[in-house]
PDB file of N, CA and C in Angstrom:
ATOM      1  N   UNK A   1      -3.742  -1.751   2.224  1.00  0.00           N
ATOM      2  CA  UNK A   1      -4.780  -1.658   3.224  1.00  0.00           C
ATOM      3  C   UNK A   1      -5.347  -0.245   3.178  1.00  0.00           C
ATOM      4  N   UNK A   2      -6.631  -0.126   3.156  1.00  0.00           N
ATOM      5  CA  UNK A   2      -7.275   1.172   3.227  1.00  0.00           C
ATOM      6  C   UNK A   2      -7.302   1.668   4.670  1.00  0.00           C
ATOM      7  N   UNK A   3      -7.393   2.972   4.852  1.00  0.00           N
ATOM      8  CA  UNK A   3      -7.471   3.517   6.204  1.00  0.00           C
ATOM      9  C   UNK A   3      -8.815   3.202   6.851  1.00  0.00           C
ATOM     10  N   UNK A   4      -9.835   3.020   6.039  1.00  0.00           N
ATOM     11  CA  UNK A   4     -11.155   2.568   6.485  1.00  0.00           C
ATOM     12  C   UNK A   4     -11.463   1.330   5.653  1.00  0.00           C
ATOM     13  N   UNK A   5     -11.614   0.203   6.301  1.00  0.00           N
ATOM     14  CA  UNK A   5     -11.621  -1.078   5.584  1.00  0.00           C
ATOM     15  C   UNK A   5     -12.983  -1.523   5.061  1.00  0.00           C
ATOM     16  N   UNK A   6     -14.058  -0.854   5.449  1.00  0.00           N
ATOM     17  CA  UNK A   6     -15.381  -1.205   4.936  1.00  0.00           C
ATOM     18  C   UNK A   6     -16.177   0.070   4.664  1.00  0.00           C
ATOM     19  N   UNK A   7     -17.175  -0.042   3.810  1.00  0.00           N
ATOM     20  CA  UNK A   7     -18.121   1.053   3.532  1.00  0.00           C
ATOM     21  C   UNK A   7     -19.452   0.440   3.134  1.00  0.00           C
ATOM     22  N   UNK A   8     -20.509   1.220   3.226  1.00  0.00           N
ATOM     23  CA  UNK A   8     -21.789   0.807   2.641  1.00  0.00           C
ATOM     24  C   UNK A   8     -21.659   0.960   1.136  1.00  0.00           C
ATOM     25  N   UNK A   9     -22.269   0.068   0.393  1.00  0.00           N
ATOM     26  CA  UNK A   9     -22.195   0.118  -1.065  1.00  0.00           C
ATOM     27  C   UNK A   9     -22.619   1.485  -1.572  1.00  0.00           C
ATOM     28  N   UNK A  10     -21.769   2.064  -2.401  1.00  0.00           N
ATOM     29  CA  UNK A  10     -22.069   3.347  -3.016  1.00  0.00           C
ATOM     30  C   UNK A  10     -21.964   4.542  -2.089  1.00  0.00           C
ATOM     31  N   UNK A  11     -21.395   4.362  -0.903  1.00  0.00           N
ATOM     32  CA  UNK A  11     -21.302   5.455   0.071  1.00  0.00           C
ATOM     33  C   UNK A  11     -19.879   5.561   0.613  1.00  0.00           C
ATOM     34  N   UNK A  12     -18.990   6.197  -0.140  1.00  0.00           N
ATOM     35  CA  UNK A  12     -17.600   6.329   0.311  1.00  0.00           C
ATOM     36  C   UNK A  12     -17.515   6.972   1.698  1.00  0.00           C
ATOM     37  N   UNK A  13     -16.600   6.487   2.486  1.00  0.00           N
ATOM     38  CA  UNK A  13     -16.345   6.991   3.858  1.00  0.00           C
ATOM     39  C   UNK A  13     -17.520   6.809   4.811  1.00  0.00           C
ATOM     40  N   UNK A  14     -18.503   5.992   4.451  1.00  0.00           N
ATOM     41  CA  UNK A  14     -19.679   5.818   5.311  1.00  0.00           C
ATOM     42  C   UNK A  14     -19.345   5.127   6.629  1.00  0.00           C
ATOM     43  N   UNK A  15     -18.236   4.427   6.710  1.00  0.00           N
ATOM     44  CA  UNK A  15     -17.858   3.776   7.965  1.00  0.00           C
ATOM     45  C   UNK A  15     -16.708   4.504   8.663  1.00  0.00           C
ATOM     46  N   UNK A  16     -16.517   5.768   8.297  1.00  0.00           N
ATOM     47  CA  UNK A  16     -15.527   6.597   8.968  1.00  0.00           C
ATOM     48  C   UNK A  16     -15.945   6.767  10.427  1.00  0.00           C
ATOM     49  N   UNK A  17     -14.997   6.778  11.324  1.00  0.00           N
ATOM     50  CA  UNK A  17     -15.207   6.955  12.760  1.00  0.00           C
ATOM     51  C   UNK A  17     -15.892   5.758  13.418  1.00  0.00           C
ATOM     52  N   UNK A  18     -15.813   4.580  12.805  1.00  0.00           N
ATOM     53  CA  UNK A  18     -16.357   3.372  13.441  1.00  0.00           C
ATOM     54  C   UNK A  18     -15.256   2.522  14.078  1.00  0.00           C
ATOM     55  N   UNK A  19     -14.027   3.032  14.075  1.00  0.00           N
ATOM     56  CA  UNK A  19     -12.931   2.301  14.709  1.00  0.00           C
ATOM     57  C   UNK A  19     -11.853   1.831  13.758  1.00  0.00           C
ATOM     58  N   UNK A  20     -12.123   1.881  12.460  1.00  0.00           N
ATOM     59  CA  UNK A  20     -11.111   1.428  11.498  1.00  0.00           C
ATOM     60  C   UNK A  20      -9.837   2.260  11.584  1.00  0.00           C
ATOM     61  N   UNK A  21      -9.979   3.552  11.820  1.00  0.00           N
ATOM     62  CA  UNK A  21      -8.801   4.417  11.872  1.00  0.00           C
ATOM     63  C   UNK A  21      -7.859   3.986  12.997  1.00  0.00           C
ATOM     64  N   UNK A  22      -8.398   3.665  14.153  1.00  0.00           N
ATOM     65  CA  UNK A  22      -7.561   3.184  15.269  1.00  0.00           C
ATOM     66  C   UNK A  22      -6.884   1.873  14.898  1.00  0.00           C
ATOM     67  N   UNK A  23      -7.641   0.988  14.268  1.00  0.00           N
ATOM     68  CA  UNK A  23      -7.091  -0.307  13.869  1.00  0.00           C
ATOM     69  C   UNK A  23      -5.955  -0.141  12.864  1.00  0.00           C
ATOM     70  N   UNK A  24      -6.192   0.611  11.791  1.00  0.00           N
ATOM     71  CA  UNK A  24      -5.162   0.750  10.757  1.00  0.00           C
ATOM     72  C   UNK A  24      -3.961   1.535  11.277  1.00  0.00           C
ATOM     73  N   UNK A  25      -4.188   2.511  12.153  1.00  0.00           N
ATOM     74  CA  UNK A  25      -3.050   3.208  12.769  1.00  0.00           C
ATOM     75  C   UNK A  25      -2.184   2.229  13.551  1.00  0.00           C
ATOM     76  N   UNK A  26      -2.821   1.353  14.293  1.00  0.00           N
ATOM     77  CA  UNK A  26      -2.056   0.393  15.106  1.00  0.00           C
ATOM     78  C   UNK A  26      -1.293  -0.585  14.222  1.00  0.00           C
ATOM     79  N   UNK A  27      -1.893  -1.035  13.118  1.00  0.00           N
ATOM     80  CA  UNK A  27      -1.187  -1.922  12.183  1.00  0.00           C
ATOM     81  C   UNK A  27       0.067  -1.229  11.664  1.00  0.00           C
ATOM     82  N   UNK A  28      -0.067   0.028  11.281  1.00  0.00           N
ATOM     83  CA  UNK A  28       1.094   0.773  10.782  1.00  0.00           C
ATOM     84  C   UNK A  28       2.146   0.919  11.872  1.00  0.00           C
ATOM     85  N   UNK A  29       1.726   1.220  13.087  1.00  0.00           N
ATOM     86  CA  UNK A  29       2.679   1.369  14.196  1.00  0.00           C
ATOM     87  C   UNK A  29       3.447   0.069  14.441  1.00  0.00           C
ATOM     88  N   UNK A  30       2.755  -1.059  14.409  1.00  0.00           N
ATOM     89  CA  UNK A  30       3.416  -2.352  14.621  1.00  0.00           C
ATOM     90  C   UNK A  30       4.388  -2.649  13.480  1.00  0.00           C
ATOM     91  N   UNK A  31       3.957  -2.416  12.250  1.00  0.00           N
ATOM     92  CA  UNK A  31       4.851  -2.639  11.113  1.00  0.00           C
ATOM     93  C   UNK A  31       6.051  -1.702  11.170  1.00  0.00           C
ATOM     94  N   UNK A  32       5.860  -0.489  11.634  1.00  0.00           N
ATOM     95  CA  UNK A  32       6.941   0.482  11.758  1.00  0.00           C
ATOM     96  C   UNK A  32       8.026  -0.002  12.719  1.00  0.00           C
ATOM     97  N   UNK A  33       7.639  -0.820  13.698  1.00  0.00           N
ATOM     98  CA  UNK A  33       8.591  -1.334  14.688  1.00  0.00           C
ATOM     99  C   UNK A  33       9.492  -2.439  14.139  1.00  0.00           C
ATOM    100  N   UNK A  34       9.135  -2.994  12.994  1.00  0.00           N
ATOM    101  CA  UNK A  34       9.939  -4.079  12.421  1.00  0.00           C
ATOM    102  C   UNK A  34      11.368  -3.626  12.171  1.00  0.00           C
ATOM    103  N   UNK A  35      12.287  -4.543  12.341  1.00  0.00           N
ATOM    104  CA  UNK A  35      13.694  -4.221  12.102  1.00  0.00           C
ATOM    105  C   UNK A  35      14.109  -4.495  10.669  1.00  0.00           C
ATOM    106  N   UNK A  36      13.237  -5.138   9.897  1.00  0.00           N
ATOM    107  CA  UNK A  36      13.489  -5.332   8.473  1.00  0.00           C
ATOM    108  C   UNK A  36      12.809  -4.194   7.728  1.00  0.00           C
ATOM    109  N   UNK A  37      13.524  -3.604   6.771  1.00  0.00           N
ATOM    110  CA  UNK A  37      12.968  -2.490   6.023  1.00  0.00           C
ATOM    111  C   UNK A  37      11.751  -2.891   5.213  1.00  0.00           C
ATOM    112  N   UNK A  38      10.828  -1.972   5.088  1.00  0.00           N
ATOM    113  CA  UNK A  38       9.610  -2.180   4.318  1.00  0.00           C
ATOM    114  C   UNK A  38       9.383  -0.977   3.418  1.00  0.00           C
ATOM    115  N   UNK A  39       8.553  -1.175   2.411  1.00  0.00           N
ATOM    116  CA  UNK A  39       8.125  -0.069   1.568  1.00  0.00           C
ATOM    117  C   UNK A  39       6.646   0.173   1.862  1.00  0.00           C
ATOM    118  N   UNK A  40       6.346   1.357   2.353  1.00  0.00           N
ATOM    119  CA  UNK A  40       4.968   1.758   2.582  1.00  0.00           C
ATOM    120  C   UNK A  40       4.508   2.554   1.371  1.00  0.00           C
ATOM    121  N   UNK A  41       3.352   2.211   0.845  1.00  0.00           N
ATOM    122  CA  UNK A  41       2.804   2.890  -0.323  1.00  0.00           C
ATOM    123  C   UNK A  41       1.542   3.615   0.127  1.00  0.00           C
ATOM    124  N   UNK A  42       1.582   4.930   0.061  1.00  0.00           N
ATOM    125  CA  UNK A  42       0.482   5.763   0.550  1.00  0.00           C
ATOM    126  C   UNK A  42      -0.190   6.423  -0.647  1.00  0.00           C
ATOM    127  N   UNK A  43      -1.380   5.939  -0.968  1.00  0.00           N
ATOM    128  CA  UNK A  43      -2.138   6.450  -2.117  1.00  0.00           C
ATOM    129  C   UNK A  43      -3.314   7.252  -1.609  1.00  0.00           C
ATOM    130  N   UNK A  44      -3.331   8.527  -1.898  1.00  0.00           N
ATOM    131  CA  UNK A  44      -4.446   9.384  -1.525  1.00  0.00           C
ATOM    132  C   UNK A  44      -4.203  10.120  -0.224  1.00  0.00           C
ATOM    133  N   UNK A  45      -4.993  11.174  -0.022  1.00  0.00           N
ATOM    134  CA  UNK A  45      -4.798  12.052   1.129  1.00  0.00           C
ATOM    135  C   UNK A  45      -4.974  11.352   2.468  1.00  0.00           C
ATOM    136  N   UNK A  46      -5.945  10.450   2.576  1.00  0.00           N
ATOM    137  CA  UNK A  46      -6.141   9.743   3.837  1.00  0.00           C
ATOM    138  C   UNK A  46      -4.901   8.931   4.194  1.00  0.00           C
ATOM    139  N   UNK A  47      -4.356   8.235   3.226  1.00  0.00           N
ATOM    140  CA  UNK A  47      -3.170   7.409   3.471  1.00  0.00           C
ATOM    141  C   UNK A  47      -1.939   8.279   3.731  1.00  0.00           C
ATOM    142  N   UNK A  48      -1.796   9.350   2.984  1.00  0.00           N
ATOM    143  CA  UNK A  48      -0.621  10.215   3.135  1.00  0.00           C
ATOM    144  C   UNK A  48      -0.562  10.808   4.545  1.00  0.00           C
ATOM    145  N   UNK A  49      -1.701  11.020   5.171  1.00  0.00           N
ATOM    146  CA  UNK A  49      -1.712  11.508   6.556  1.00  0.00           C
ATOM    147  C   UNK A  49      -1.099  10.496   7.523  1.00  0.00           C
ATOM    148  N   UNK A  50      -1.072   9.233   7.135  1.00  0.00           N
ATOM    149  CA  UNK A  50      -0.502   8.185   7.990  1.00  0.00           C
ATOM    150  C   UNK A  50       1.026   8.203   7.989  1.00  0.00           C
ATOM    151  N   UNK A  51       1.617   9.003   7.120  1.00  0.00           N
ATOM    152  CA  UNK A  51       3.081   9.076   7.049  1.00  0.00           C
ATOM    153  C   UNK A  51       3.698   9.420   8.412  1.00  0.00           C
ATOM    154  N   UNK A  52       3.016  10.210   9.199  1.00  0.00           N
ATOM    155  CA  UNK A  52       3.534  10.604  10.511  1.00  0.00           C
ATOM    156  C   UNK A  52       3.753   9.406  11.434  1.00  0.00           C
ATOM    157  N   UNK A  53       3.073   8.295  11.163  1.00  0.00           N
ATOM    158  CA  UNK A  53       3.216   7.091  11.983  1.00  0.00           C
ATOM    159  C   UNK A  53       4.433   6.254  11.589  1.00  0.00           C
ATOM    160  N   UNK A  54       5.023   6.568  10.452  1.00  0.00           N
ATOM    161  CA  UNK A  54       6.157   5.783   9.944  1.00  0.00           C
ATOM    162  C   UNK A  54       7.429   6.556  10.263  1.00  0.00           C
ATOM    163  N   UNK A  55       8.023   6.235  11.389  1.00  0.00           N
ATOM    164  CA  UNK A  55       9.162   6.995  11.894  1.00  0.00           C
ATOM    165  C   UNK A  55      10.490   6.250  11.797  1.00  0.00           C
ATOM    166  N   UNK A  56      10.434   4.962  11.546  1.00  0.00           N
ATOM    167  CA  UNK A  56      11.657   4.158  11.485  1.00  0.00           C
ATOM    168  C   UNK A  56      12.395   4.475  10.185  1.00  0.00           C
ATOM    169  N   UNK A  57      13.633   4.963  10.268  1.00  0.00           N
ATOM    170  CA  UNK A  57      14.345   5.386   9.059  1.00  0.00           C
ATOM    171  C   UNK A  57      14.735   4.254   8.104  1.00  0.00           C
ATOM    172  N   UNK A  58      14.589   3.003   8.516  1.00  0.00           N
ATOM    173  CA  UNK A  58      14.934   1.911   7.593  1.00  0.00           C
ATOM    174  C   UNK A  58      13.839   1.672   6.559  1.00  0.00           C
ATOM    175  N   UNK A  59      12.651   2.217   6.798  1.00  0.00           N
ATOM    176  CA  UNK A  59      11.542   2.038   5.871  1.00  0.00           C
ATOM    177  C   UNK A  59      11.570   3.093   4.773  1.00  0.00           C
ATOM    178  N   UNK A  60      10.945   2.768   3.660  1.00  0.00           N
ATOM    179  CA  UNK A  60      10.804   3.699   2.544  1.00  0.00           C
ATOM    180  C   UNK A  60       9.322   4.012   2.378  1.00  0.00           C
ATOM    181  N   UNK A  61       9.031   5.221   1.928  1.00  0.00           N
ATOM    182  CA  UNK A  61       7.649   5.658   1.759  1.00  0.00           C
ATOM    183  C   UNK A  61       7.476   6.195   0.346  1.00  0.00           C
ATOM    184  N   UNK A  62       6.464   5.674  -0.346  1.00  0.00           N
ATOM    185  CA  UNK A  62       6.069   6.197  -1.659  1.00  0.00           C
ATOM    186  C   UNK A  62       4.687   6.805  -1.515  1.00  0.00           C
ATOM    187  N   UNK A  63       4.507   8.000  -2.057  1.00  0.00           N
ATOM    188  CA  UNK A  63       3.223   8.701  -1.951  1.00  0.00           C
ATOM    189  C   UNK A  63       2.767   9.139  -3.338  1.00  0.00           C
ATOM    190  N   UNK A  64       1.463   9.094  -3.545  1.00  0.00           N
ATOM    191  CA  UNK A  64       0.889   9.633  -4.773  1.00  0.00           C
ATOM    192  C   UNK A  64      -0.609   9.797  -4.569  1.00  0.00           C
ATOM    193  N   UNK A  65      -1.265  10.504  -5.490  1.00  0.00           N
ATOM    194  CA  UNK A  65      -2.730  10.541  -5.431  1.00  0.00           C
ATOM    195  C   UNK A  65      -3.299   9.125  -5.535  1.00  0.00           C
ATOM    196  N   UNK A  66      -4.517   8.970  -5.083  1.00  0.00           N
ATOM    197  CA  UNK A  66      -5.189   7.675  -5.114  1.00  0.00           C
ATOM    198  C   UNK A  66      -5.465   7.273  -6.570  1.00  0.00           C
ATOM    199  N   UNK A  67      -5.397   5.972  -6.883  1.00  0.00           N
ATOM    200  CA  UNK A  67      -5.639   5.523  -8.262  1.00  0.00           C
ATOM    201  C   UNK A  67      -7.111   5.459  -8.662  1.00  0.00           C
ATOM    202  N   UNK A  68      -8.004   5.988  -7.850  1.00  0.00           N
ATOM    203  CA  UNK A  68      -9.429   5.947  -8.192  1.00  0.00           C
ATOM    204  C   UNK A  68      -9.701   6.810  -9.420  1.00  0.00           C
ATOM    205  N   UNK A  69     -10.813   6.569 -10.103  1.00  0.00           N
ATOM    206  CA  UNK A  69     -11.158   7.376 -11.279  1.00  0.00           C
ATOM    207  C   UNK A  69     -11.288   8.873 -10.966  1.00  0.00           C
ATOM    208  N   UNK A  70     -11.542   9.209  -9.705  1.00  0.00           N
ATOM    209  CA  UNK A  70     -11.724  10.611  -9.338  1.00  0.00           C
ATOM    210  C   UNK A  70     -10.416  11.379  -9.221  1.00  0.00           C
ATOM    211  N   UNK A  71      -9.307  10.678  -8.935  1.00  0.00           N
ATOM    212  CA  UNK A  71      -8.065  11.412  -8.680  1.00  0.00           C
ATOM    213  C   UNK A  71      -6.847  10.870  -9.415  1.00  0.00           C
ATOM    214  N   UNK A  72      -6.978   9.797 -10.144  1.00  0.00           N
ATOM    215  CA  UNK A  72      -5.817   9.187 -10.789  1.00  0.00           C
ATOM    216  C   UNK A  72      -5.094  10.143 -11.729  1.00  0.00           C
ATOM    217  N   UNK A  73      -5.826  11.017 -12.384  1.00  0.00           N
ATOM    218  CA  UNK A  73      -5.207  11.963 -13.321  1.00  0.00           C
ATOM    219  C   UNK A  73      -4.477  13.106 -12.617  1.00  0.00           C
ATOM    220  N   UNK A  74      -4.584  13.178 -11.323  1.00  0.00           N
ATOM    221  CA  UNK A  74      -3.922  14.243 -10.562  1.00  0.00           C
ATOM    222  C   UNK A  74      -2.508  13.852 -10.137  1.00  0.00           C
ATOM    223  N   UNK A  75      -1.966  12.797 -10.733  1.00  0.00           N
ATOM    224  CA  UNK A  75      -0.593  12.436 -10.413  1.00  0.00           C
ATOM    225  C   UNK A  75      -0.328  10.952 -10.248  1.00  0.00           C
ATOM    226  N   UNK A  76      -1.387  10.144 -10.168  1.00  0.00           N
ATOM    227  CA  UNK A  76      -1.137   8.697 -10.062  1.00  0.00           C
ATOM    228  C   UNK A  76      -0.617   8.161 -11.386  1.00  0.00           C
ATOM    229  N   UNK A  77      -1.305   8.524 -12.484  1.00  0.00           N
ATOM    230  CA  UNK A  77      -0.846   8.070 -13.795  1.00  0.00           C
ATOM    231  C   UNK A  77       0.556   8.619 -14.037  1.00  0.00           C
ATOM    232  N   UNK A  78       1.447   7.740 -14.412  1.00  0.00           N
ATOM    233  CA  UNK A  78       2.820   8.144 -14.678  1.00  0.00           C
ATOM    234  C   UNK A  78       3.734   8.092 -13.464  1.00  0.00           C
ATOM    235  N   UNK A  79       3.188   7.809 -12.294  1.00  0.00           N
ATOM    236  CA  UNK A  79       4.022   7.779 -11.086  1.00  0.00           C
ATOM    237  C   UNK A  79       4.822   6.486 -10.954  1.00  0.00           C
ATOM    238  N   UNK A  80       4.505   5.504 -11.784  1.00  0.00           N
ATOM    239  CA  UNK A  80       5.230   4.240 -11.834  1.00  0.00           C
ATOM    240  C   UNK A  80       5.391   3.595 -10.440  1.00  0.00           C
ATOM    241  N   UNK A  81       4.294   3.408  -9.723  1.00  0.00           N
ATOM    242  CA  UNK A  81       4.415   2.923  -8.342  1.00  0.00           C
ATOM    243  C   UNK A  81       5.039   1.546  -8.229  1.00  0.00           C
ATOM    244  N   UNK A  82       4.717   0.643  -9.138  1.00  0.00           N
ATOM    245  CA  UNK A  82       5.209  -0.723  -8.983  1.00  0.00           C
ATOM    246  C   UNK A  82       6.699  -0.827  -9.278  1.00  0.00           C
ATOM    247  N   UNK A  83       7.173  -0.115 -10.289  1.00  0.00           N
ATOM    248  CA  UNK A  83       8.612  -0.136 -10.540  1.00  0.00           C
ATOM    249  C   UNK A  83       9.357   0.612  -9.435  1.00  0.00           C
ATOM    250  N   UNK A  84       8.762   1.659  -8.884  1.00  0.00           N
ATOM    251  CA  UNK A  84       9.397   2.359  -7.766  1.00  0.00           C
ATOM    252  C   UNK A  84       9.453   1.491  -6.515  1.00  0.00           C
ATOM    253  N   UNK A  85       8.399   0.733  -6.267  1.00  0.00           N
ATOM    254  CA  UNK A  85       8.423  -0.216  -5.145  1.00  0.00           C
ATOM    255  C   UNK A  85       9.570  -1.193  -5.349  1.00  0.00           C
ATOM    256  N   UNK A  86       9.659  -1.755  -6.546  1.00  0.00           N
ATOM    257  CA  UNK A  86      10.729  -2.720  -6.821  1.00  0.00           C
ATOM    258  C   UNK A  86      12.104  -2.096  -6.677  1.00  0.00           C
ATOM    259  N   UNK A  87      12.278  -0.862  -7.126  1.00  0.00           N
ATOM    260  CA  UNK A  87      13.572  -0.194  -6.979  1.00  0.00           C
ATOM    261  C   UNK A  87      13.968  -0.091  -5.511  1.00  0.00           C
ATOM    262  N   UNK A  88      13.017   0.287  -4.670  1.00  0.00           N
ATOM    263  CA  UNK A  88      13.302   0.374  -3.235  1.00  0.00           C
ATOM    264  C   UNK A  88      13.612  -1.001  -2.650  1.00  0.00           C
ATOM    265  N   UNK A  89      12.831  -2.002  -3.029  1.00  0.00           N
ATOM    266  CA  UNK A  89      13.069  -3.350  -2.503  1.00  0.00           C
ATOM    267  C   UNK A  89      14.462  -3.846  -2.867  1.00  0.00           C
ATOM    268  N   UNK A  90      14.865  -3.630  -4.105  1.00  0.00           N
ATOM    269  CA  UNK A  90      16.192  -4.073  -4.550  1.00  0.00           C
ATOM    270  C   UNK A  90      17.283  -3.337  -3.770  1.00  0.00           C
ATOM    271  N   UNK A  91      17.140  -2.031  -3.580  1.00  0.00           N
ATOM    272  CA  UNK A  91      18.123  -1.260  -2.816  1.00  0.00           C
ATOM    273  C   UNK A  91      18.219  -1.743  -1.375  1.00  0.00           C
ATOM    274  N   UNK A  92      17.107  -2.292  -0.868  1.00  0.00           N
ATOM    275  CA  UNK A  92      17.075  -2.782   0.509  1.00  0.00           C
ATOM    276  C   UNK A  92      17.542  -4.234   0.612  1.00  0.00           C
ATOM    277  N   UNK A  93      17.894  -4.841  -0.527  1.00  0.00           N
ATOM    278  CA  UNK A  93      18.403  -6.202  -0.508  1.00  0.00           C
ATOM    279  C   UNK A  93      17.362  -7.282  -0.714  1.00  0.00           C
ATOM    280  N   UNK A  94      16.157  -6.910  -1.108  1.00  0.00           N
ATOM    281  CA  UNK A  94      15.098  -7.884  -1.363  1.00  0.00           C
ATOM    282  C   UNK A  94      14.973  -8.130  -2.864  1.00  0.00           C
ATOM    283  N   UNK A  95      14.227  -9.173  -3.207  1.00  0.00           N
ATOM    284  CA  UNK A  95      13.922  -9.426  -4.612  1.00  0.00           C
ATOM    285  C   UNK A  95      12.779  -8.531  -5.060  1.00  0.00           C
ATOM    286  N   UNK A  96      12.786  -8.209  -6.333  1.00  0.00           N
ATOM    287  CA  UNK A  96      11.688  -7.439  -6.908  1.00  0.00           C
ATOM    288  C   UNK A  96      10.431  -8.308  -6.971  1.00  0.00           C
ATOM    289  N   UNK A  97       9.296  -7.683  -6.926  1.00  0.00           N
ATOM    290  CA  UNK A  97       8.003  -8.364  -7.050  1.00  0.00           C
ATOM    291  C   UNK A  97       7.657  -8.458  -8.532  1.00  0.00           C
ATOM    292  N   UNK A  98       7.194  -9.611  -8.972  1.00  0.00           N
ATOM    293  CA  UNK A  98       6.673  -9.750 -10.330  1.00  0.00           C
ATOM    294  C   UNK A  98       5.198  -9.386 -10.268  1.00  0.00           C
ATOM    295  N   UNK A  99       4.870  -8.197 -10.737  1.00  0.00           N
ATOM    296  CA  UNK A  99       3.521  -7.664 -10.625  1.00  0.00           C
ATOM    297  C   UNK A  99       2.601  -8.137 -11.745  1.00  0.00           C
ATOM    298  N   UNK A 100       3.100  -8.920 -12.675  1.00  0.00           N
ATOM    299  CA  UNK A 100       2.274  -9.293 -13.828  1.00  0.00           C
ATOM    300  C   UNK A 100       1.164 -10.267 -13.435  1.00  0.00           C
ATOM    301  N   UNK A 101       0.020 -10.079 -14.015  1.00  0.00           N
ATOM    302  CA  UNK A 101      -1.127 -10.946 -13.759  1.00  0.00           C
ATOM    303  C   UNK A 101      -0.829 -12.351 -14.272  1.00  0.00           C
ATOM    304  N   UNK A 102      -0.154 -12.435 -15.409  1.00  0.00           N
ATOM    305  CA  UNK A 102       0.173 -13.727 -16.001  1.00  0.00           C
ATOM    306  C   UNK A 102       0.985 -14.568 -15.028  1.00  0.00           C
ATOM    307  N   UNK A 103       1.979 -13.988 -14.408  1.00  0.00           N
ATOM    308  CA  UNK A 103       2.810 -14.714 -13.458  1.00  0.00           C
ATOM    309  C   UNK A 103       1.985 -15.191 -12.273  1.00  0.00           C
ATOM    310  N   UNK A 104       1.090 -14.338 -11.773  1.00  0.00           N
ATOM    311  CA  UNK A 104       0.244 -14.696 -10.649  1.00  0.00           C
ATOM    312  C   UNK A 104      -0.641 -15.882 -11.018  1.00  0.00           C
ATOM    313  N   UNK A 105      -1.234 -15.847 -12.200  1.00  0.00           N
ATOM    314  CA  UNK A 105      -2.096 -16.940 -12.641  1.00  0.00           C
ATOM    315  C   UNK A 105      -1.317 -18.244 -12.730  1.00  0.00           C
ATOM    316  N   UNK A 106      -0.110 -18.177 -13.251  1.00  0.00           N
ATOM    317  CA  UNK A 106       0.718 -19.380 -13.331  1.00  0.00           C
ATOM    318  C   UNK A 106       1.017 -19.916 -11.934  1.00  0.00           C
ATOM    319  N   UNK A 107       1.341 -19.045 -11.010  1.00  0.00           N
ATOM    320  CA  UNK A 107       1.658 -19.474  -9.649  1.00  0.00           C
ATOM    321  C   UNK A 107       0.448 -20.112  -8.988  1.00  0.00           C
ATOM    322  N   UNK A 108      -0.740 -19.550  -9.202  1.00  0.00           N
ATOM    323  CA  UNK A 108      -1.947 -20.124  -8.608  1.00  0.00           C
ATOM    324  C   UNK A 108      -2.205 -21.508  -9.167  1.00  0.00           C
ATOM    325  N   UNK A 109      -2.008 -21.692 -10.470  1.00  0.00           N
ATOM    326  CA  UNK A 109      -2.182 -23.037 -11.053  1.00  0.00           C
ATOM    327  C   UNK A 109      -1.172 -24.001 -10.478  1.00  0.00           C
ATOM    328  N   UNK A 110       0.057 -23.566 -10.323  1.00  0.00           N
ATOM    329  CA  UNK A 110       1.104 -24.406  -9.746  1.00  0.00           C
ATOM    330  C   UNK A 110       0.753 -24.783  -8.311  1.00  0.00           C
ATOM    331  N   UNK A 111       0.270 -23.829  -7.537  1.00  0.00           N
ATOM    332  CA  UNK A 111      -0.114 -24.107  -6.157  1.00  0.00           C
ATOM    333  C   UNK A 111      -1.218 -25.157  -6.081  1.00  0.00           C
ATOM    334  N   UNK A 112      -2.169 -25.132  -7.016  1.00  0.00           N
ATOM    335  CA  UNK A 112      -3.245 -26.121  -7.026  1.00  0.00           C
ATOM    336  C   UNK A 112      -2.707 -27.506  -7.314  1.00  0.00           C
ATOM    337  N   UNK A 113      -1.652 -27.579  -8.144  1.00  0.00           N
ATOM    338  CA  UNK A 113      -1.065 -28.868  -8.477  1.00  0.00           C
ATOM    339  C   UNK A 113      -0.292 -29.466  -7.311  1.00  0.00           C
ATOM    340  N   UNK A 114       0.254 -28.614  -6.480  1.00  0.00           N
ATOM    341  CA  UNK A 114       1.047 -29.083  -5.336  1.00  0.00           C
ATOM    342  C   UNK A 114       0.109 -29.491  -4.253  1.00  0.00           C
TER     343      UNK A 114
END
């Protein structure tokens, strides 16, 4: 989830201060209250500022620069976010996520058959 969920085409942050920040802060606060551990993935400076809202020690937080073309080379590349997410999930007793597109496509075809 982005900290600001909409923008005008070609105008980054154009919908800043329209209420999205309050909404996304509240979503994070509600998720933080969960008693089941979660992995929060904070990509970019806007998201990393939301770390202060994640106070429940059962949750895990992964941070890195945003994967956009403007900042991906500043630390996103090589950060292995998906394998790190899976490592945290496994340590927390959950199954790893199969991030492959091929698997997703197969599942969607299977869902259509059911």
